[in-house]
Amino acid sequence: MSAAQTSNGEVVVSVRGLTKVFKDFWNRPKARAVDNVDFEVRKGEVFGLLGPNGSGKSTTVKLLLGLLNPTKGHIEVFGHSPRHVQTKARIGYLPEESYLYRYLNSRETLDFFGNLFHLNKADRDNRAEQLLEMVGLGKTQTRAVGEFSKGMQRRIGLAQALINDPDLVILDEPTAGLDPIGCREVKDLIIALARRGKTVILSSHLLSDVEDVCDRVVIYYGGKIQAAGTLKDLLATPDTLRITTPVLPRETLEKVLATIRQDISTGEVRVDNPTQNLESYFLDVVNKARAANETSGAQSGARVAEYLRGGMEAKPASEKVLEKLSLPQAAQPAVESKPATQSAGPKVDDSKLAALAQPAAAASQPDKSAPKIEPATPADLSKANAKLSSLLGGKK
């Protein structure tokens, strides 16, 4: 089903009967990493690949990227084979391990990857500046990436995966090694990309991250999909009901519990206070501390890079004023121009300029006002020749 349309949107990735069997030196089957897998990923969707180690997630990602050939089955990405060159140009990929040139700094790393996508110099510089601020590395641009911690390498790896403004972003453990602030920023970025209409495939062992951002997931085990669907459908527990109210007086609470127990023959009725998760509490503490302290580590990233937002967010009034002031001269309102004689620049000496512009023939004529320089008298080299001859063993 190439470039298919469904009721839920355009199909970006289509997988049918995908199987990958690894073989040994004698061509004997060694491991069936992926076994008859079917799924679809639609435009603007965040799709999660879940499963324990060795379940087939990374192999599936490599098959989607065209890095491996399937043993059997069919894969389409944007209606083409994953090995199609133009299709690869529309994909951004963050591998599980960041493979970077350790002696390049952050800016040079992004410039290198941008050059691979044939971006011009102006676009490379502009996007690199926005991405480094977005991932919190704006103040470490001159440090070699080989000196970075694992978390900082993940940040620059995420930036390089987005340098080409991809339509499909594949992230393999994107929050591995990141602090809770970085994890929250990556999740916000994923949500922002999906809102813009980009498609994200996320493979992660951190189920809380997946739960926060994914629309649908598949769960692998033994190379097969064991469960698939939306998180709302998969996580719902229809045999349990939760009621949340403001704090009630004790007498009212006793009446409510007594009424509930009258209709329940089995099961436990619990009353407790709701709690926030640890991530929310941690971020609140750090945000308060940031107002009074500084850090030499990775900074909190700025909002999503301008070129990745694609105008989906309304600009503040201050930004609109600055944008108006920065318009090219032709686009700004016409104003009365001042005469050239009022320029504040240094005045040009026309006589000196004309002298410098004279042809070589005119310049070679002697200037009567200049002092006369006598030609140098040739030196007598006979004594020097005799001395050199004696040193070389010749005749004196």
Protein backbone atom coordinates (compact mmCIF):
# COMPACT_ATOMS: atom_id res chain seq x y z
CA MET A 1 0.00 0.00 0.00
CA SER A 2 2.22 2.77 -1.28
CA ALA A 3 1.61 6.30 -0.01
CA ALA A 4 -1.69 5.04 1.35
CA GLN A 5 -4.34 7.24 2.88
CA THR A 6 -6.33 6.05 5.87
CA SER A 7 -9.02 7.64 7.94
CA ASN A 8 -6.38 8.62 10.48
CA GLY A 9 -3.91 10.26 8.07
CA GLU A 10 -1.15 9.57 5.62
CA VAL A 11 0.89 6.41 6.17
CA VAL A 12 4.58 7.34 6.43
CA VAL A 13 5.97 3.90 7.34
CA SER A 14 4.36 0.65 6.22
CA VAL A 15 5.71 -2.74 7.38
CA ARG A 16 4.24 -6.04 6.18
CA GLY A 17 5.48 -9.51 7.16
CA LEU A 18 8.91 -8.16 8.13
CA THR A 19 11.36 -10.92 9.04
CA LYS A 20 15.10 -10.77 9.68
CA VAL A 21 17.17 -13.90 10.28
CA PHE A 22 20.88 -13.58 11.05
CA LYS A 23 23.07 -16.39 9.78
CA ASP A 24 26.50 -17.69 10.70
CA PHE A 25 29.60 -18.15 8.51
CA TRP A 26 28.19 -21.34 6.97
CA ASN A 27 24.87 -19.62 6.15
CA ARG A 28 23.02 -21.47 8.86
CA PRO A 29 20.21 -19.61 10.72
CA LYS A 30 21.64 -18.20 13.94
CA ALA A 31 18.98 -15.85 15.33
CA ARG A 32 15.51 -14.78 14.20
CA ALA A 33 15.67 -11.16 15.37
CA VAL A 34 12.37 -10.03 13.79
CA ASP A 35 9.60 -12.50 13.02
CA ASN A 36 6.66 -11.63 10.73
CA VAL A 37 6.02 -8.09 12.03
CA ASP A 38 3.23 -5.82 10.74
CA PHE A 39 2.59 -2.17 11.67
CA GLU A 40 1.98 1.29 10.23
CA VAL A 41 3.12 4.73 11.35
CA ARG A 42 1.08 7.75 10.28
CA LYS A 43 2.03 11.35 9.67
CA GLY A 44 2.22 13.52 12.80
CA GLU A 45 2.25 10.50 15.10
CA VAL A 46 4.66 9.58 17.91
CA PHE A 47 5.08 5.82 17.65
CA GLY A 48 6.82 3.79 20.37
CA LEU A 49 8.87 0.61 19.99
CA LEU A 50 9.02 -1.18 23.34
CA GLY A 51 10.50 -4.43 24.52
CA PRO A 52 13.29 -5.97 26.61
CA ASN A 53 16.88 -6.22 25.42
CA GLY A 54 17.28 -8.43 22.35
CA SER A 55 13.60 -8.35 21.46
CA GLY A 56 14.14 -6.91 17.95
CA LYS A 57 13.65 -3.15 18.39
CA SER A 58 17.09 -2.02 17.17
CA THR A 59 16.99 -4.48 14.30
CA THR A 60 13.64 -3.04 13.22
CA VAL A 61 15.09 0.49 13.32
CA LYS A 62 18.06 -0.54 11.17
CA LEU A 63 15.71 -2.19 8.67
CA LEU A 64 13.64 1.02 8.49
CA LEU A 65 16.83 3.00 7.81
CA GLY A 66 17.99 0.64 5.07
CA LEU A 67 21.09 -0.33 7.04
CA LEU A 68 19.99 -3.99 6.94
CA ASN A 69 18.15 -5.97 4.27
CA PRO A 70 15.10 -7.94 5.40
CA THR A 71 15.14 -11.70 4.99
CA LYS A 72 11.46 -11.57 4.09
CA GLY A 73 8.69 -9.00 4.05
CA HIS A 74 8.07 -5.50 2.73
CA ILE A 75 8.98 -2.02 4.03
CA GLU A 76 7.95 1.36 2.63
CA VAL A 77 9.06 4.76 3.94
CA PHE A 78 7.32 7.71 2.27
CA GLY A 79 6.15 5.28 -0.42
CA HIS A 80 9.68 4.15 -1.34
CA SER A 81 12.28 1.62 -0.31
CA PRO A 82 14.30 2.59 2.78
CA ARG A 83 17.41 2.49 0.57
CA HIS A 84 16.04 5.27 -1.67
CA VAL A 85 18.51 8.18 -1.46
CA GLN A 86 15.90 10.97 -1.58
CA THR A 87 13.97 9.18 1.16
CA LYS A 88 17.05 9.06 3.41
CA ALA A 89 17.39 12.86 3.06
CA ARG A 90 14.00 13.22 4.80
CA ILE A 91 15.01 11.15 7.85
CA GLY A 92 16.78 12.24 11.03
CA TYR A 93 18.33 9.49 13.15
CA LEU A 94 19.73 9.46 16.67
CA PRO A 95 21.42 6.09 17.32
CA GLU A 96 21.61 4.45 20.72
CA GLU A 97 25.28 5.43 20.96
CA SER A 98 26.44 8.83 19.72
CA TYR A 99 29.17 8.26 17.11
CA LEU A 100 30.84 11.66 16.79
CA TYR A 101 34.24 12.98 15.69
CA ARG A 102 35.79 13.57 19.09
CA TYR A 103 38.17 16.35 18.01
CA LEU A 104 35.47 18.56 16.45
CA ASN A 105 33.68 21.07 18.61
CA SER A 106 29.90 21.43 18.76
CA ARG A 107 29.66 24.02 16.00
CA GLU A 108 32.01 22.09 13.67
CA THR A 109 30.05 18.88 14.27
CA LEU A 110 26.77 20.44 13.18
CA ASP A 111 28.47 22.16 10.24
CA PHE A 112 29.84 18.78 9.10
CA PHE A 113 26.45 17.03 9.22
CA GLY A 114 24.72 19.99 7.61
CA ASN A 115 27.21 19.84 4.75
CA LEU A 116 26.26 16.19 4.16
CA PHE A 117 22.73 17.40 3.37
CA HIS A 118 24.11 20.09 1.00
CA LEU A 119 22.87 22.97 3.17
CA ASN A 120 24.44 26.29 2.25
CA LYS A 121 26.74 28.05 4.70
CA ALA A 122 24.14 30.56 5.87
CA ASP A 123 21.56 27.84 6.65
CA ARG A 124 24.16 25.70 8.42
CA ASP A 125 25.26 28.57 10.65
CA ASN A 126 21.70 29.67 11.40
CA ARG A 127 20.44 26.18 12.25
CA ALA A 128 23.53 25.32 14.28
CA GLU A 129 23.06 28.44 16.41
CA GLN A 130 19.39 27.63 17.04
CA LEU A 131 20.00 23.94 17.75
CA LEU A 132 22.87 24.53 20.19
CA GLU A 133 20.71 26.94 22.17
CA MET A 134 17.80 24.50 22.02
CA VAL A 135 19.79 21.58 23.48
CA GLY A 136 21.53 23.73 26.10
CA LEU A 137 25.05 23.75 24.57
CA GLY A 138 25.18 27.38 23.49
CA LYS A 139 28.02 28.15 25.93
CA THR A 140 30.15 25.10 25.07
CA GLN A 141 30.56 25.66 21.32
CA THR A 142 34.38 25.66 21.42
CA ARG A 143 34.81 22.46 23.45
CA ALA A 144 35.68 19.25 21.59
CA VAL A 145 32.82 16.76 21.77
CA GLY A 146 35.29 14.11 22.94
CA GLU A 147 35.41 15.98 26.26
CA PHE A 148 31.64 15.84 26.70
CA SER A 149 29.86 13.68 29.22
CA LYS A 150 27.44 11.07 27.88
CA GLY A 151 24.49 13.35 28.53
CA MET A 152 26.09 16.24 26.65
CA GLN A 153 26.95 13.90 23.76
CA ARG A 154 23.30 12.87 23.60
CA ARG A 155 22.36 16.54 23.38
CA ILE A 156 24.69 17.24 20.44
CA GLY A 157 23.58 13.94 18.88
CA LEU A 158 19.97 15.09 19.04
CA ALA A 159 20.96 18.37 17.40
CA GLN A 160 22.69 16.61 14.50
CA ALA A 161 19.61 14.43 13.98
CA LEU A 162 17.53 17.57 13.38
CA ILE A 163 19.97 19.64 11.28
CA ASN A 164 18.20 18.70 8.02
CA ASP A 165 14.69 19.52 9.33
CA PRO A 166 13.57 15.89 8.76
CA ASP A 167 10.00 14.74 8.15
CA LEU A 168 10.64 11.43 9.95
CA VAL A 169 12.69 11.41 13.16
CA ILE A 170 13.89 8.07 14.55
CA LEU A 171 15.18 8.25 18.12
CA ASP A 172 16.85 5.26 19.78
CA GLU A 173 17.04 5.81 23.56
CA PRO A 174 17.11 9.63 23.23
CA THR A 175 17.05 10.31 26.97
CA ALA A 176 19.79 7.83 27.94
CA GLY A 177 22.34 9.65 30.12
CA LEU A 178 20.32 12.87 30.31
CA ASP A 179 19.43 14.58 33.56
CA PRO A 180 15.71 15.03 34.37
CA ILE A 181 15.75 18.55 32.92
CA GLY A 182 17.15 17.25 29.63
CA CYS A 183 14.61 14.42 29.60
CA ARG A 184 11.74 16.87 30.00
CA GLU A 185 13.13 19.09 27.22
CA VAL A 186 13.49 16.13 24.84
CA LYS A 187 9.90 15.10 25.51
CA ASP A 188 8.70 18.65 24.91
CA LEU A 189 10.65 18.69 21.66
CA ILE A 190 9.07 15.42 20.51
CA ILE A 191 5.60 16.77 21.21
CA ALA A 192 6.41 20.00 19.33
CA LEU A 193 7.66 18.05 16.30
CA ALA A 194 4.48 15.98 16.22
CA ARG A 195 2.32 19.11 16.41
CA ARG A 196 4.11 20.47 13.36
CA GLY A 197 3.16 17.32 11.43
CA LYS A 198 6.45 15.46 11.67
CA THR A 199 6.52 11.76 12.45
CA VAL A 200 8.56 10.41 15.37
CA ILE A 201 9.51 6.78 16.02
CA LEU A 202 10.79 6.36 19.57
CA SER A 203 12.58 3.33 20.97
CA SER A 204 13.13 3.51 24.72
CA HIS A 205 13.35 1.44 27.89
CA LEU A 206 12.13 4.36 30.01
CA LEU A 207 8.43 3.63 30.00
CA SER A 208 7.53 6.89 31.74
CA ASP A 209 9.00 8.81 28.79
CA VAL A 210 7.05 6.71 26.33
CA GLU A 211 3.84 7.18 28.30
CA ASP A 212 4.28 10.97 28.25
CA VAL A 213 4.72 11.40 24.50
CA CYS A 214 3.60 8.37 22.46
CA ASP A 215 0.26 8.07 20.69
CA ARG A 216 0.58 4.36 19.88
CA VAL A 217 3.08 1.66 20.83
CA VAL A 218 4.03 -1.88 19.91
CA ILE A 219 5.59 -4.23 22.46
CA TYR A 220 8.16 -6.72 21.16
CA TYR A 221 9.21 -10.02 22.68
CA GLY A 222 11.14 -12.75 20.90
CA GLY A 223 11.10 -10.77 17.65
CA LYS A 224 7.29 -10.70 17.53
CA ILE A 225 4.77 -7.99 18.41
CA GLN A 226 2.95 -9.13 21.53
CA ALA A 227 0.72 -6.06 21.97
CA ALA A 228 -0.13 -2.97 19.94
CA GLY A 229 -2.49 -0.02 20.21
CA THR A 230 -3.02 3.39 21.72
CA LEU A 231 -1.83 3.97 25.27
CA LYS A 232 -5.35 4.90 26.34
CA ASP A 233 -6.66 1.51 25.26
CA LEU A 234 -3.71 -0.51 26.55
CA LEU A 235 -3.45 1.11 29.99
CA ALA A 236 -7.13 1.45 30.88
CA THR A 237 -8.41 -0.77 33.74
CA PRO A 238 -12.18 -0.90 33.23
CA ASP A 239 -12.86 -2.82 36.48
CA THR A 240 -11.62 0.04 38.70
CA LEU A 241 -12.96 3.58 39.21
CA ARG A 242 -11.14 6.60 40.68
CA ILE A 243 -12.97 9.59 42.18
CA THR A 244 -11.03 12.78 42.98
CA THR A 245 -12.55 15.52 45.15
CA PRO A 246 -11.36 18.46 47.24
CA VAL A 247 -10.71 17.79 50.92
CA LEU A 248 -14.02 16.82 52.58
CA PRO A 249 -15.06 17.17 56.24
CA ARG A 250 -14.72 13.92 58.15
CA GLU A 251 -18.48 13.53 58.58
CA THR A 252 -19.10 13.91 54.85
CA LEU A 253 -16.29 11.48 54.02
CA GLU A 254 -17.75 8.87 56.38
CA LYS A 255 -21.17 9.19 54.71
CA VAL A 256 -19.65 8.80 51.22
CA LEU A 257 -17.66 5.71 52.25
CA ALA A 258 -20.69 4.17 53.91
CA THR A 259 -22.76 4.68 50.75
CA ILE A 260 -20.07 3.14 48.58
CA ARG A 261 -19.58 0.11 50.84
CA GLN A 262 -23.30 -0.65 50.71
CA ASP A 263 -23.03 -1.40 46.98
CA ILE A 264 -19.66 -3.22 47.09
CA SER A 265 -19.57 -6.80 48.29
CA THR A 266 -15.89 -7.49 47.50
CA GLY A 267 -12.86 -5.35 46.95
CA GLU A 268 -11.06 -2.64 48.86
CA VAL A 269 -12.07 1.03 49.08
CA ARG A 270 -9.09 3.30 49.69
CA VAL A 271 -8.84 6.98 50.50
CA ASP A 272 -5.50 8.78 50.05
CA ASN A 273 -4.02 12.07 48.90
CA PRO A 274 -2.91 12.42 45.25
CA THR A 275 0.81 12.99 44.75
CA GLN A 276 2.84 14.52 41.94
CA ASN A 277 5.48 12.40 40.25
CA LEU A 278 9.17 12.74 41.13
CA GLU A 279 9.98 14.41 37.81
CA SER A 280 7.58 17.29 38.46
CA TYR A 281 8.92 17.78 41.97
CA PHE A 282 12.55 17.67 40.79
CA LEU A 283 11.95 20.23 38.04
CA ASP A 284 10.21 22.55 40.48
CA VAL A 285 13.18 22.44 42.90
CA VAL A 286 15.73 23.03 40.13
CA ASN A 287 13.77 25.93 38.61
CA LYS A 288 13.73 27.66 41.98
CA ALA A 289 17.46 27.05 42.47
CA ARG A 290 18.31 28.33 38.99
CA ALA A 291 17.07 31.79 39.87
CA ALA A 292 19.78 32.18 42.53
CA ASN A 293 22.63 29.97 41.32
CA GLU A 294 24.74 29.28 38.22
CA THR A 295 26.16 26.04 36.86
CA SER A 296 29.15 25.19 34.65
CA GLY A 297 27.40 22.13 33.23
CA ALA A 298 24.83 21.90 30.45
CA GLN A 299 22.34 24.73 30.55
CA SER A 300 18.61 24.39 30.32
CA GLY A 301 17.78 24.47 26.62
CA ALA A 302 15.84 27.23 24.98
CA ARG A 303 12.52 26.62 23.27
CA VAL A 304 12.30 24.63 20.04
CA ALA A 305 14.49 26.02 17.24
CA GLU A 306 12.71 28.53 15.01
CA TYR A 307 13.11 26.54 11.78
CA LEU A 308 11.74 23.40 13.49
CA ARG A 309 8.67 25.23 14.80
CA GLY A 310 7.69 26.27 11.29
CA GLY A 311 5.62 29.20 12.55
CA MET A 312 3.33 26.99 14.65
CA GLU A 313 3.75 29.21 17.72
CA ALA A 314 2.57 32.79 18.00
CA LYS A 315 5.45 35.20 18.38
CA PRO A 316 5.55 37.60 21.35
CA ALA A 317 4.98 41.27 20.60
CA SER A 318 8.63 42.09 21.34
CA GLU A 319 9.80 39.59 18.73
CA LYS A 320 7.44 41.07 16.15
CA VAL A 321 8.90 44.55 16.73
CA LEU A 322 12.47 43.27 16.40
CA GLU A 323 11.54 41.35 13.27
CA LYS A 324 10.05 44.52 11.75
CA LEU A 325 13.19 46.51 12.53
CA SER A 326 15.40 43.82 10.99
CA LEU A 327 13.60 43.81 7.62
CA PRO A 328 15.74 44.53 4.53
CA GLN A 329 15.88 48.15 3.38
CA ALA A 330 13.53 47.50 0.45
CA ALA A 331 10.87 46.05 2.73
CA GLN A 332 10.98 48.84 5.32
CA PRO A 333 8.78 51.94 5.02
CA ALA A 334 10.36 54.59 2.84
CA VAL A 335 12.07 57.41 4.75
CA GLU A 336 13.65 60.60 3.52
CA SER A 337 17.28 59.84 2.72
CA LYS A 338 19.99 62.23 3.81
CA PRO A 339 22.43 63.76 1.30
CA ALA A 340 25.64 61.85 0.85
CA THR A 341 27.59 64.88 2.12
CA GLN A 342 26.14 64.38 5.58
CA SER A 343 27.72 60.96 5.97
CA ALA A 344 29.59 60.51 9.20
CA GLY A 345 32.35 58.48 7.51
CA PRO A 346 35.89 59.81 6.90
CA LYS A 347 36.33 62.21 3.99
CA VAL A 348 38.20 60.81 0.98
CA ASP A 349 41.26 62.76 -0.25
CA ASP A 350 40.65 62.92 -4.02
CA SER A 351 44.21 64.01 -4.85
CA LYS A 352 45.78 61.01 -3.06
CA LEU A 353 43.27 58.66 -4.64
CA ALA A 354 44.11 60.00 -8.13
CA ALA A 355 47.84 59.59 -7.47
CA LEU A 356 47.40 55.97 -6.44
CA ALA A 357 45.33 55.30 -9.57
CA GLN A 358 48.00 56.55 -12.00
CA PRO A 359 49.35 53.99 -14.49
CA ALA A 360 52.75 52.42 -13.93
CA ALA A 361 54.34 54.50 -16.69
CA ALA A 362 53.32 57.74 -15.06
CA ALA A 363 54.38 56.50 -11.66
CA SER A 364 57.88 55.67 -12.99
CA GLN A 365 58.60 59.35 -13.86
CA PRO A 366 60.85 61.06 -11.30
CA ASP A 367 59.32 63.54 -8.94
CA LYS A 368 61.37 66.76 -8.93
CA SER A 369 60.22 67.62 -5.43
CA ALA A 370 61.49 64.33 -4.02
CA PRO A 371 65.13 64.03 -2.82
CA LYS A 372 67.51 62.52 -5.38
CA ILE A 373 68.75 59.02 -4.58
CA GLU A 374 72.17 58.05 -5.96
CA PRO A 375 72.50 54.53 -7.44
CA ALA A 376 74.42 52.10 -5.30
CA THR A 377 78.11 51.51 -6.32
CA PRO A 378 78.86 47.86 -7.17
CA ALA A 379 80.91 46.23 -4.42
CA ASP A 380 84.45 44.93 -5.09
CA LEU A 381 84.09 41.13 -4.78
CA SER A 382 87.66 40.15 -5.73
CA LYS A 383 88.85 39.90 -2.14
CA ALA A 384 85.82 37.87 -1.14
CA ASN A 385 86.39 35.47 -4.06
CA ALA A 386 90.04 34.99 -3.07
CA LYS A 387 89.09 34.26 0.53
CA LEU A 388 86.42 31.76 -0.56
CA SER A 389 88.90 30.02 -2.89
CA SER A 390 91.44 29.58 -0.07
CA LEU A 391 88.79 28.03 2.14
CA LEU A 392 87.86 25.53 -0.58
CA GLY A 393 91.50 24.51 -1.18
CA GLY A 394 91.94 26.40 -4.48
CA LYS A 395 94.77 28.56 -5.65
CA LYS A 396 95.53 31.64 -3.70
